[in-house]
C-alpha atoms as a PDB file:
ATOM      1  CA  MET A   1      11.070  -4.060  -7.114  1.00  0.00           C
ATOM      2  CA  LYS A   2      11.464  -7.082  -4.882  1.00  0.00           C
ATOM      3  CA  GLN A   3       9.252 -10.027  -5.739  1.00  0.00           C
ATOM      4  CA  ILE A   4       8.255 -13.320  -4.158  1.00  0.00           C
ATOM      5  CA  SER A   5       6.308 -16.232  -5.602  1.00  0.00           C
ATOM      6  CA  ALA A   6       3.003 -17.286  -4.085  1.00  0.00           C
ATOM      7  CA  ASP A   7       4.542 -20.635  -3.121  1.00  0.00           C
ATOM      8  CA  ALA A   8       7.498 -18.973  -1.367  1.00  0.00           C
ATOM      9  CA  LEU A   9       5.154 -16.720   0.617  1.00  0.00           C
ATOM     10  CA  ALA A  10       2.986 -19.717   1.529  1.00  0.00           C
ATOM     11  CA  GLU A  11       6.124 -21.483   2.756  1.00  0.00           C
ATOM     12  CA  LYS A  12       6.948 -18.533   5.031  1.00  0.00           C
ATOM     13  CA  LEU A  13       3.463 -18.786   6.528  1.00  0.00           C
ATOM     14  CA  GLN A  14       3.779 -22.574   6.960  1.00  0.00           C
ATOM     15  CA  ASN A  15       7.095 -21.995   8.746  1.00  0.00           C
ATOM     16  CA  LYS A  16       5.311 -19.586  11.104  1.00  0.00           C
ATOM     17  CA  GLU A  17       7.473 -16.666  10.009  1.00  0.00           C
ATOM     18  CA  ASN A  18       6.177 -13.264  11.059  1.00  0.00           C
ATOM     19  CA  VAL A  19       5.004 -11.746   7.768  1.00  0.00           C
ATOM     20  CA  ASN A  20       2.891  -8.689   7.074  1.00  0.00           C
ATOM     21  CA  ILE A  21       0.640  -9.151   4.052  1.00  0.00           C
ATOM     22  CA  ILE A  22      -1.461  -6.398   2.511  1.00  0.00           C
ATOM     23  CA  ASP A  23      -4.208  -7.347   0.062  1.00  0.00           C
ATOM     24  CA  VAL A  24      -4.887  -4.382  -2.243  1.00  0.00           C
ATOM     25  CA  ARG A  25      -7.852  -5.891  -4.116  1.00  0.00           C
ATOM     26  CA  GLU A  26     -11.330  -4.382  -4.049  1.00  0.00           C
ATOM     27  CA  ASP A  27     -13.915  -5.383  -1.426  1.00  0.00           C
ATOM     28  CA  PHE A  28     -15.850  -7.669  -3.785  1.00  0.00           C
ATOM     29  CA  GLU A  29     -12.643  -9.555  -4.666  1.00  0.00           C
ATOM     30  CA  VAL A  30     -11.625 -10.019  -1.045  1.00  0.00           C
ATOM     31  CA  ALA A  31     -15.141 -11.277  -0.258  1.00  0.00           C
ATOM     32  CA  GLU A  32     -14.316 -14.291  -2.454  1.00  0.00           C
ATOM     33  CA  GLY A  33     -11.436 -15.155  -0.117  1.00  0.00           C
ATOM     34  CA  LYS A  34      -8.110 -13.765   1.025  1.00  0.00           C
ATOM     35  CA  ILE A  35      -4.976 -15.028   2.695  1.00  0.00           C
ATOM     36  CA  PRO A  36      -6.067 -15.311   6.367  1.00  0.00           C
ATOM     37  CA  GLU A  37      -3.091 -13.314   7.690  1.00  0.00           C
ATOM     38  CA  ALA A  38      -3.550 -10.465   5.190  1.00  0.00           C
ATOM     39  CA  ILE A  39      -4.906  -7.056   6.042  1.00  0.00           C
ATOM     40  CA  HIS A  40      -7.136  -5.481   3.426  1.00  0.00           C
ATOM     41  CA  ILE A  41      -6.289  -2.016   2.143  1.00  0.00           C
ATOM     42  CA  PRO A  42      -7.717  -1.441  -1.356  1.00  0.00           C
ATOM     43  CA  LEU A  43      -5.234   0.098  -3.792  1.00  0.00           C
ATOM     44  CA  GLY A  44      -7.291   3.292  -3.997  1.00  0.00           C
ATOM     45  CA  GLU A  45      -6.937   3.767  -0.222  1.00  0.00           C
ATOM     46  CA  ILE A  46      -3.185   3.075   0.115  1.00  0.00           C
ATOM     47  CA  GLU A  47      -2.148   6.721  -0.115  1.00  0.00           C
ATOM     48  CA  LYS A  48      -4.568   7.945   2.561  1.00  0.00           C
ATOM     49  CA  ARG A  49      -3.974   4.937   4.863  1.00  0.00           C
ATOM     50  CA  VAL A  50      -0.191   4.878   4.651  1.00  0.00           C
ATOM     51  CA  ASN A  51      -0.066   6.181   8.244  1.00  0.00           C
ATOM     52  CA  GLU A  52      -1.400   2.772   9.386  1.00  0.00           C
ATOM     53  CA  LEU A  53       1.852   1.139   8.243  1.00  0.00           C
ATOM     54  CA  ASP A  54       5.186   0.974  10.076  1.00  0.00           C
ATOM     55  CA  LYS A  55       8.343   1.834   8.120  1.00  0.00           C
ATOM     56  CA  ASN A  56      10.274  -0.539  10.405  1.00  0.00           C
ATOM     57  CA  GLU A  57       8.256  -3.511   9.121  1.00  0.00           C
ATOM     58  CA  HIS A  58       8.445  -5.433   5.861  1.00  0.00           C
ATOM     59  CA  TYR A  59       5.246  -5.846   3.820  1.00  0.00           C
ATOM     60  CA  TYR A  60       4.227  -8.345   1.146  1.00  0.00           C
ATOM     61  CA  LEU A  61       1.625  -6.963  -1.245  1.00  0.00           C
ATOM     62  CA  VAL A  62      -0.997  -9.089  -2.971  1.00  0.00           C
ATOM     63  CA  CYS A  63      -3.717  -8.490  -5.573  1.00  0.00           C
ATOM     64  CA  ARG A  64      -5.494 -10.657  -8.151  1.00  0.00           C
ATOM     65  CA  SER A  65      -2.628 -11.122 -10.608  1.00  0.00           C
ATOM     66  CA  GLY A  66       0.297  -9.013  -9.351  1.00  0.00           C
ATOM     67  CA  GLY A  67      -0.228  -5.767 -11.279  1.00  0.00           C
ATOM     68  CA  ARG A  68      -2.033  -3.614  -8.734  1.00  0.00           C
ATOM     69  CA  SER A  69       0.142  -4.882  -5.915  1.00  0.00           C
ATOM     70  CA  GLY A  70       3.155  -3.945  -8.042  1.00  0.00           C
ATOM     71  CA  ASN A  71       1.769  -0.414  -8.327  1.00  0.00           C
ATOM     72  CA  ALA A  72       1.230  -0.313  -4.559  1.00  0.00           C
ATOM     73  CA  CYS A  73       4.811  -1.538  -4.037  1.00  0.00           C
ATOM     74  CA  GLY A  74       6.100   1.271  -6.230  1.00  0.00           C
ATOM     75  CA  PHE A  75       4.200   3.880  -4.232  1.00  0.00           C
ATOM     76  CA  LEU A  76       5.125   2.469  -0.819  1.00  0.00           C
ATOM     77  CA  ASP A  77       8.764   2.066  -1.850  1.00  0.00           C
ATOM     78  CA  SER A  78       8.819   5.748  -2.860  1.00  0.00           C
ATOM     79  CA  GLN A  79       7.525   6.566   0.647  1.00  0.00           C
ATOM     80  CA  GLY A  80      10.389   4.651   2.298  1.00  0.00           C
ATOM     81  CA  PHE A  81       8.683   1.331   3.016  1.00  0.00           C
ATOM     82  CA  ASP A  82      10.302  -2.101   2.639  1.00  0.00           C
ATOM     83  CA  VAL A  83       7.921  -3.977   0.335  1.00  0.00           C
ATOM     84  CA  THR A  84       7.791  -7.093  -1.828  1.00  0.00           C
ATOM     85  CA  ASN A  85       5.273  -7.912  -4.541  1.00  0.00           C
ATOM     86  CA  MET A  86       3.750 -11.409  -4.665  1.00  0.00           C
ATOM     87  CA  THR A  87       4.006 -12.377  -8.331  1.00  0.00           C
ATOM     88  CA  GLY A  88       0.955 -13.953  -9.911  1.00  0.00           C
ATOM     89  CA  GLY A  89      -1.325 -12.638  -7.172  1.00  0.00           C
ATOM     90  CA  MET A  90      -4.211 -14.671  -5.835  1.00  0.00           C
ATOM     91  CA  LEU A  91      -4.467 -16.459  -9.177  1.00  0.00           C
ATOM     92  CA  ALA A  92      -1.196 -18.176  -8.235  1.00  0.00           C
ATOM     93  CA  TRP A  93      -2.099 -18.738  -4.554  1.00  0.00           C
ATOM     94  CA  ASN A  94      -2.621 -22.373  -3.600  1.00  0.00           C
ATOM     95  CA  GLY A  95      -2.600 -21.813   0.156  1.00  0.00           C
ATOM     96  CA  GLU A  96      -5.444 -21.331   2.596  1.00  0.00           C
ATOM     97  CA  VAL A  97      -8.014 -18.589   2.087  1.00  0.00           C
ATOM     98  CA  LYS A  98     -10.781 -17.323   4.334  1.00  0.00           C
END
């Protein structure tokens, strides 16, 4: 599985790179703040919402600590998506949240 650090992903955002971020945390976790550019698809909904994603795009997956997003990466990778897990999750995120 491909991985990226929270700092490296923050740098991509600071450099205005076009990145697709999916936050797989639960609603109550996202309510505490998420990366502004991230779309929210809870892990339990990934399988039924996979049709919302484009296999021609690359996605960075985020959760609280990196475990659930790793699981989501495994599933999406098995479905033919290009995905990268953000290691450390939001616990490691020092960038902006909304």
